[in-house]
Structure formats: structure tokens, C-alpha cells
Amino acid sequence: MEKKIEIVSKNHQKTDYLFWLHKSAQERIDALEILRSQYIQFQLEMTGENVFKGFQRVYKITQRK
């Protein structure tokens, strides 16, 4: 497989951006879940270890005045 690096400006959006822009929020989340599942399966096959099966949750604690 040939490795390729392409440098583009932020103003130059690829067509995949427009593709996902026209998808509903649920369709985007479903696609993300498919990719996450594939990654988990890949990690399991490569390392033999079960990786974290869920989204990382980040909490920020603030103090009210």
C-alpha cells in the first residue's frame, strides 16, 4: 500500500464533508457506532485484549458563586 500525505487549506472542504452534512444526527451516530465496533474488533484481533467498550465520559466540575 502506498502512503500518501495531502496538505489542504481549511477552506477547501472535501466532498465527504458535504455528504455527512446532509445526514441526520442519528445516521451520523449510527456510522460512528459501526466504526467504533470495527475498531474494538480490530484491537481484539491484534492484541487479544478486550478494549473499553463505550464512549469516554468527561466531566467538568465547576464551582458556583
PDB file of N, CA and C in Angstrom:
ATOM      1  N   MET A   1       0.845  -1.175   0.000  1.00  0.00           N
ATOM      2  CA  MET A   1       0.000   0.000   0.000  1.00  0.00           C
ATOM      3  C   MET A   1       0.890   1.238   0.000  1.00  0.00           C
ATOM      4  N   GLU A   2       0.577   2.157  -0.861  1.00  0.00           N
ATOM      5  CA  GLU A   2       1.345   3.391  -0.972  1.00  0.00           C
ATOM      6  C   GLU A   2       0.830   4.410   0.040  1.00  0.00           C
ATOM      7  N   LYS A   3       1.732   4.989   0.806  1.00  0.00           N
ATOM      8  CA  LYS A   3       1.356   6.021   1.767  1.00  0.00           C
ATOM      9  C   LYS A   3       1.319   7.357   1.056  1.00  0.00           C
ATOM     10  N   LYS A   4       0.316   8.155   1.403  1.00  0.00           N
ATOM     11  CA  LYS A   4       0.148   9.440   0.736  1.00  0.00           C
ATOM     12  C   LYS A   4      -0.240  10.493   1.768  1.00  0.00           C
ATOM     13  N   ILE A   5       0.387  11.638   1.689  1.00  0.00           N
ATOM     14  CA  ILE A   5       0.049  12.767   2.550  1.00  0.00           C
ATOM     15  C   ILE A   5      -0.388  13.907   1.641  1.00  0.00           C
ATOM     16  N   GLU A   6      -1.525  14.487   1.982  1.00  0.00           N
ATOM     17  CA  GLU A   6      -2.039  15.607   1.196  1.00  0.00           C
ATOM     18  C   GLU A   6      -2.303  16.775   2.139  1.00  0.00           C
ATOM     19  N   ILE A   7      -1.740  17.908   1.837  1.00  0.00           N
ATOM     20  CA  ILE A   7      -1.935  19.103   2.658  1.00  0.00           C
ATOM     21  C   ILE A   7      -2.911  20.022   1.931  1.00  0.00           C
ATOM     22  N   VAL A   8      -3.998  20.349   2.621  1.00  0.00           N
ATOM     23  CA  VAL A   8      -5.009  21.230   2.046  1.00  0.00           C
ATOM     24  C   VAL A   8      -5.344  22.322   3.057  1.00  0.00           C
ATOM     25  N   SER A   9      -5.860  23.421   2.567  1.00  0.00           N
ATOM     26  CA  SER A   9      -6.247  24.500   3.471  1.00  0.00           C
ATOM     27  C   SER A   9      -7.600  24.181   4.115  1.00  0.00           C
ATOM     28  N   LYS A  10      -7.877  24.825   5.222  1.00  0.00           N
ATOM     29  CA  LYS A  10      -9.152  24.608   5.907  1.00  0.00           C
ATOM     30  C   LYS A  10     -10.334  25.061   5.062  1.00  0.00           C
ATOM     31  N   ASN A  11     -10.105  25.983   4.165  1.00  0.00           N
ATOM     32  CA  ASN A  11     -11.183  26.490   3.319  1.00  0.00           C
ATOM     33  C   ASN A  11     -11.584  25.501   2.232  1.00  0.00           C
ATOM     34  N   HIS A  12     -10.740  24.529   1.974  1.00  0.00           N
ATOM     35  CA  HIS A  12     -11.012  23.549   0.917  1.00  0.00           C
ATOM     36  C   HIS A  12     -11.645  22.307   1.550  1.00  0.00           C
ATOM     37  N   GLN A  13     -12.961  22.234   1.546  1.00  0.00           N
ATOM     38  CA  GLN A  13     -13.676  21.111   2.139  1.00  0.00           C
ATOM     39  C   GLN A  13     -13.809  19.987   1.119  1.00  0.00           C
ATOM     40  N   LYS A  14     -13.604  18.774   1.560  1.00  0.00           N
ATOM     41  CA  LYS A  14     -13.778  17.617   0.687  1.00  0.00           C
ATOM     42  C   LYS A  14     -15.263  17.298   0.549  1.00  0.00           C
ATOM     43  N   THR A  15     -15.578  16.466  -0.428  1.00  0.00           N
ATOM     44  CA  THR A  15     -16.976  16.112  -0.665  1.00  0.00           C
ATOM     45  C   THR A  15     -17.553  15.271   0.464  1.00  0.00           C
ATOM     46  N   ASP A  16     -16.710  14.559   1.224  1.00  0.00           N
ATOM     47  CA  ASP A  16     -17.255  13.779   2.334  1.00  0.00           C
ATOM     48  C   ASP A  16     -17.842  14.684   3.411  1.00  0.00           C
ATOM     49  N   TYR A  17     -17.336  15.881   3.541  1.00  0.00           N
ATOM     50  CA  TYR A  17     -17.907  16.837   4.487  1.00  0.00           C
ATOM     51  C   TYR A  17     -19.349  17.153   4.104  1.00  0.00           C
ATOM     52  N   LEU A  18     -19.572  17.408   2.838  1.00  0.00           N
ATOM     53  CA  LEU A  18     -20.942  17.685   2.373  1.00  0.00           C
ATOM     54  C   LEU A  18     -21.837  16.468   2.513  1.00  0.00           C
ATOM     55  N   PHE A  19     -21.269  15.287   2.288  1.00  0.00           N
ATOM     56  CA  PHE A  19     -22.031  14.052   2.448  1.00  0.00           C
ATOM     57  C   PHE A  19     -22.570  13.930   3.863  1.00  0.00           C
ATOM     58  N   TRP A  20     -21.682  14.094   4.853  1.00  0.00           N
ATOM     59  CA  TRP A  20     -22.100  13.952   6.252  1.00  0.00           C
ATOM     60  C   TRP A  20     -22.955  15.119   6.718  1.00  0.00           C
ATOM     61  N   LEU A  21     -22.775  16.262   6.117  1.00  0.00           N
ATOM     62  CA  LEU A  21     -23.588  17.418   6.468  1.00  0.00           C
ATOM     63  C   LEU A  21     -25.062  17.183   6.148  1.00  0.00           C
ATOM     64  N   HIS A  22     -25.316  16.400   5.113  1.00  0.00           N
ATOM     65  CA  HIS A  22     -26.687  16.126   4.700  1.00  0.00           C
ATOM     66  C   HIS A  22     -27.303  14.919   5.408  1.00  0.00           C
ATOM     67  N   LYS A  23     -26.559  14.244   6.276  1.00  0.00           N
ATOM     68  CA  LYS A  23     -27.089  13.111   7.033  1.00  0.00           C
ATOM     69  C   LYS A  23     -27.692  13.609   8.341  1.00  0.00           C
ATOM     70  N   SER A  24     -28.683  12.880   8.823  1.00  0.00           N
ATOM     71  CA  SER A  24     -29.303  13.255  10.100  1.00  0.00           C
ATOM     72  C   SER A  24     -28.347  12.930  11.243  1.00  0.00           C
ATOM     73  N   ALA A  25     -28.621  13.477  12.401  1.00  0.00           N
ATOM     74  CA  ALA A  25     -27.782  13.221  13.571  1.00  0.00           C
ATOM     75  C   ALA A  25     -27.769  11.734  13.904  1.00  0.00           C
ATOM     76  N   GLN A  26     -28.901  11.075  13.792  1.00  0.00           N
ATOM     77  CA  GLN A  26     -28.976   9.649  14.104  1.00  0.00           C
ATOM     78  C   GLN A  26     -28.141   8.820  13.126  1.00  0.00           C
ATOM     79  N   GLU A  27     -28.157   9.189  11.856  1.00  0.00           N
ATOM     80  CA  GLU A  27     -27.360   8.466  10.862  1.00  0.00           C
ATOM     81  C   GLU A  27     -25.860   8.631  11.136  1.00  0.00           C
ATOM     82  N   ARG A  28     -25.460   9.815  11.584  1.00  0.00           N
ATOM     83  CA  ARG A  28     -24.049  10.046  11.901  1.00  0.00           C
ATOM     84  C   ARG A  28     -23.631   9.248  13.130  1.00  0.00           C
ATOM     85  N   ILE A  29     -24.499   9.195  14.131  1.00  0.00           N
ATOM     86  CA  ILE A  29     -24.202   8.412  15.334  1.00  0.00           C
ATOM     87  C   ILE A  29     -24.138   6.930  15.000  1.00  0.00           C
ATOM     88  N   ASP A  30     -25.044   6.449  14.145  1.00  0.00           N
ATOM     89  CA  ASP A  30     -25.023   5.050  13.728  1.00  0.00           C
ATOM     90  C   ASP A  30     -23.718   4.711  13.009  1.00  0.00           C
ATOM     91  N   ALA A  31     -23.256   5.596  12.146  1.00  0.00           N
ATOM     92  CA  ALA A  31     -21.998   5.375  11.436  1.00  0.00           C
ATOM     93  C   ALA A  31     -20.823   5.362  12.411  1.00  0.00           C
ATOM     94  N   LEU A  32     -20.860   6.231  13.401  1.00  0.00           N
ATOM     95  CA  LEU A  32     -19.816   6.261  14.419  1.00  0.00           C
ATOM     96  C   LEU A  32     -19.803   4.965  15.213  1.00  0.00           C
ATOM     97  N   GLU A  33     -20.957   4.444  15.533  1.00  0.00           N
ATOM     98  CA  GLU A  33     -21.049   3.187  16.273  1.00  0.00           C
ATOM     99  C   GLU A  33     -20.480   2.024  15.455  1.00  0.00           C
ATOM    100  N   ILE A  34     -20.717   2.015  14.157  1.00  0.00           N
ATOM    101  CA  ILE A  34     -20.154   0.974  13.290  1.00  0.00           C
ATOM    102  C   ILE A  34     -18.630   1.050  13.309  1.00  0.00           C
ATOM    103  N   LEU A  35     -18.086   2.261  13.177  1.00  0.00           N
ATOM    104  CA  LEU A  35     -16.631   2.432  13.198  1.00  0.00           C
ATOM    105  C   LEU A  35     -16.043   2.020  14.548  1.00  0.00           C
ATOM    106  N   ARG A  36     -16.732   2.373  15.622  1.00  0.00           N
ATOM    107  CA  ARG A  36     -16.271   2.009  16.963  1.00  0.00           C
ATOM    108  C   ARG A  36     -16.243   0.496  17.128  1.00  0.00           C
ATOM    109  N   SER A  37     -17.283  -0.174  16.651  1.00  0.00           N
ATOM    110  CA  SER A  37     -17.343  -1.632  16.745  1.00  0.00           C
ATOM    111  C   SER A  37     -16.220  -2.288  15.936  1.00  0.00           C
ATOM    112  N   GLN A  38     -15.958  -1.751  14.753  1.00  0.00           N
ATOM    113  CA  GLN A  38     -14.875  -2.280  13.926  1.00  0.00           C
ATOM    114  C   GLN A  38     -13.524  -2.089  14.612  1.00  0.00           C
ATOM    115  N   TYR A  39     -13.337  -0.952  15.264  1.00  0.00           N
ATOM    116  CA  TYR A  39     -12.087  -0.696  15.972  1.00  0.00           C
ATOM    117  C   TYR A  39     -11.912  -1.663  17.135  1.00  0.00           C
ATOM    118  N   ILE A  40     -12.974  -1.893  17.881  1.00  0.00           N
ATOM    119  CA  ILE A  40     -12.916  -2.826  19.007  1.00  0.00           C
ATOM    120  C   ILE A  40     -12.553  -4.217  18.510  1.00  0.00           C
ATOM    121  N   GLN A  41     -13.171  -4.659  17.426  1.00  0.00           N
ATOM    122  CA  GLN A  41     -12.878  -5.970  16.861  1.00  0.00           C
ATOM    123  C   GLN A  41     -11.421  -6.048  16.380  1.00  0.00           C
ATOM    124  N   PHE A  42     -10.941  -4.999  15.751  1.00  0.00           N
ATOM    125  CA  PHE A  42      -9.560  -4.950  15.278  1.00  0.00           C
ATOM    126  C   PHE A  42      -8.583  -5.062  16.442  1.00  0.00           C
ATOM    127  N   GLN A  43      -8.822  -4.290  17.499  1.00  0.00           N
ATOM    128  CA  GLN A  43      -7.945  -4.320  18.667  1.00  0.00           C
ATOM    129  C   GLN A  43      -7.963  -5.695  19.316  1.00  0.00           C
ATOM    130  N   LEU A  44      -9.115  -6.325  19.366  1.00  0.00           N
ATOM    131  CA  LEU A  44      -9.219  -7.657  19.957  1.00  0.00           C
ATOM    132  C   LEU A  44      -8.407  -8.665  19.154  1.00  0.00           C
ATOM    133  N   GLU A  45      -8.486  -8.581  17.837  1.00  0.00           N
ATOM    134  CA  GLU A  45      -7.733  -9.498  16.975  1.00  0.00           C
ATOM    135  C   GLU A  45      -6.230  -9.251  17.055  1.00  0.00           C
ATOM    136  N   MET A  46      -5.825  -7.992  17.150  1.00  0.00           N
ATOM    137  CA  MET A  46      -4.402  -7.662  17.142  1.00  0.00           C
ATOM    138  C   MET A  46      -3.725  -7.914  18.488  1.00  0.00           C
ATOM    139  N   THR A  47      -4.409  -7.602  19.579  1.00  0.00           N
ATOM    140  CA  THR A  47      -3.770  -7.695  20.893  1.00  0.00           C
ATOM    141  C   THR A  47      -4.291  -8.849  21.729  1.00  0.00           C
ATOM    142  N   GLY A  48      -5.460  -9.358  21.371  1.00  0.00           N
ATOM    143  CA  GLY A  48      -6.058 -10.410  22.182  1.00  0.00           C
ATOM    144  C   GLY A  48      -6.701  -9.879  23.442  1.00  0.00           C
ATOM    145  N   GLU A  49      -6.692  -8.569  23.609  1.00  0.00           N
ATOM    146  CA  GLU A  49      -7.283  -7.949  24.795  1.00  0.00           C
ATOM    147  C   GLU A  49      -8.572  -7.245  24.427  1.00  0.00           C
ATOM    148  N   ASN A  50      -9.516  -7.293  25.327  1.00  0.00           N
ATOM    149  CA  ASN A  50     -10.779  -6.617  25.118  1.00  0.00           C
ATOM    150  C   ASN A  50     -10.617  -5.147  25.499  1.00  0.00           C
ATOM    151  N   VAL A  51     -10.814  -4.262  24.540  1.00  0.00           N
ATOM    152  CA  VAL A  51     -10.666  -2.831  24.808  1.00  0.00           C
ATOM    153  C   VAL A  51     -11.957  -2.274  25.386  1.00  0.00           C
ATOM    154  N   PHE A  52     -11.873  -1.085  25.903  1.00  0.00           N
ATOM    155  CA  PHE A  52     -13.017  -0.412  26.510  1.00  0.00           C
ATOM    156  C   PHE A  52     -14.168  -0.326  25.519  1.00  0.00           C
ATOM    157  N   LYS A  53     -15.335  -0.823  25.919  1.00  0.00           N
ATOM    158  CA  LYS A  53     -16.489  -0.843  25.024  1.00  0.00           C
ATOM    159  C   LYS A  53     -17.470   0.256  25.388  1.00  0.00           C
ATOM    160  N   GLY A  54     -17.152   1.463  25.085  1.00  0.00           N
ATOM    161  CA  GLY A  54     -18.057   2.570  25.359  1.00  0.00           C
ATOM    162  C   GLY A  54     -17.378   3.890  25.086  1.00  0.00           C
ATOM    163  N   PHE A  55     -18.151   4.922  25.106  1.00  0.00           N
ATOM    164  CA  PHE A  55     -17.595   6.243  24.897  1.00  0.00           C
ATOM    165  C   PHE A  55     -17.031   6.764  26.207  1.00  0.00           C
ATOM    166  N   GLN A  56     -15.909   7.450  26.116  1.00  0.00           N
ATOM    167  CA  GLN A  56     -15.318   8.047  27.299  1.00  0.00           C
ATOM    168  C   GLN A  56     -16.198   9.206  27.740  1.00  0.00           C
ATOM    169  N   ARG A  57     -16.426   9.276  29.013  1.00  0.00           N
ATOM    170  CA  ARG A  57     -17.222  10.372  29.542  1.00  0.00           C
ATOM    171  C   ARG A  57     -16.293  11.348  30.255  1.00  0.00           C
ATOM    172  N   VAL A  58     -16.482  12.604  29.969  1.00  0.00           N
ATOM    173  CA  VAL A  58     -15.648  13.640  30.566  1.00  0.00           C
ATOM    174  C   VAL A  58     -16.559  14.559  31.359  1.00  0.00           C
ATOM    175  N   TYR A  59     -16.210  14.755  32.607  1.00  0.00           N
ATOM    176  CA  TYR A  59     -16.986  15.626  33.472  1.00  0.00           C
ATOM    177  C   TYR A  59     -16.138  16.813  33.883  1.00  0.00           C
ATOM    178  N   LYS A  60     -16.776  17.955  33.943  1.00  0.00           N
ATOM    179  CA  LYS A  60     -16.092  19.156  34.394  1.00  0.00           C
ATOM    180  C   LYS A  60     -16.867  19.677  35.598  1.00  0.00           C
ATOM    181  N   ILE A  61     -16.188  19.791  36.689  1.00  0.00           N
ATOM    182  CA  ILE A  61     -16.813  20.272  37.922  1.00  0.00           C
ATOM    183  C   ILE A  61     -16.496  21.754  38.057  1.00  0.00           C
ATOM    184  N   THR A  62     -17.545  22.539  38.192  1.00  0.00           N
ATOM    185  CA  THR A  62     -17.363  23.972  38.365  1.00  0.00           C
ATOM    186  C   THR A  62     -17.936  24.377  39.709  1.00  0.00           C
ATOM    187  N   GLN A  63     -17.480  25.476  40.175  1.00  0.00           N
ATOM    188  CA  GLN A  63     -17.951  25.985  41.460  1.00  0.00           C
ATOM    189  C   GLN A  63     -18.829  27.202  41.212  1.00  0.00           C
ATOM    190  N   ARG A  64     -20.035  27.168  41.749  1.00  0.00           N
ATOM    191  CA  ARG A  64     -20.953  28.299  41.595  1.00  0.00           C
ATOM    192  C   ARG A  64     -20.649  29.334  42.665  1.00  0.00           C
ATOM    193  N   LYS A  65     -20.822  30.598  42.277  1.00  0.00           N
ATOM    194  CA  LYS A  65     -20.594  31.691  43.229  1.00  0.00           C
ATOM    195  C   LYS A  65     -21.905  32.374  43.558  1.00  0.00           C
TER     196      LYS A  65
END
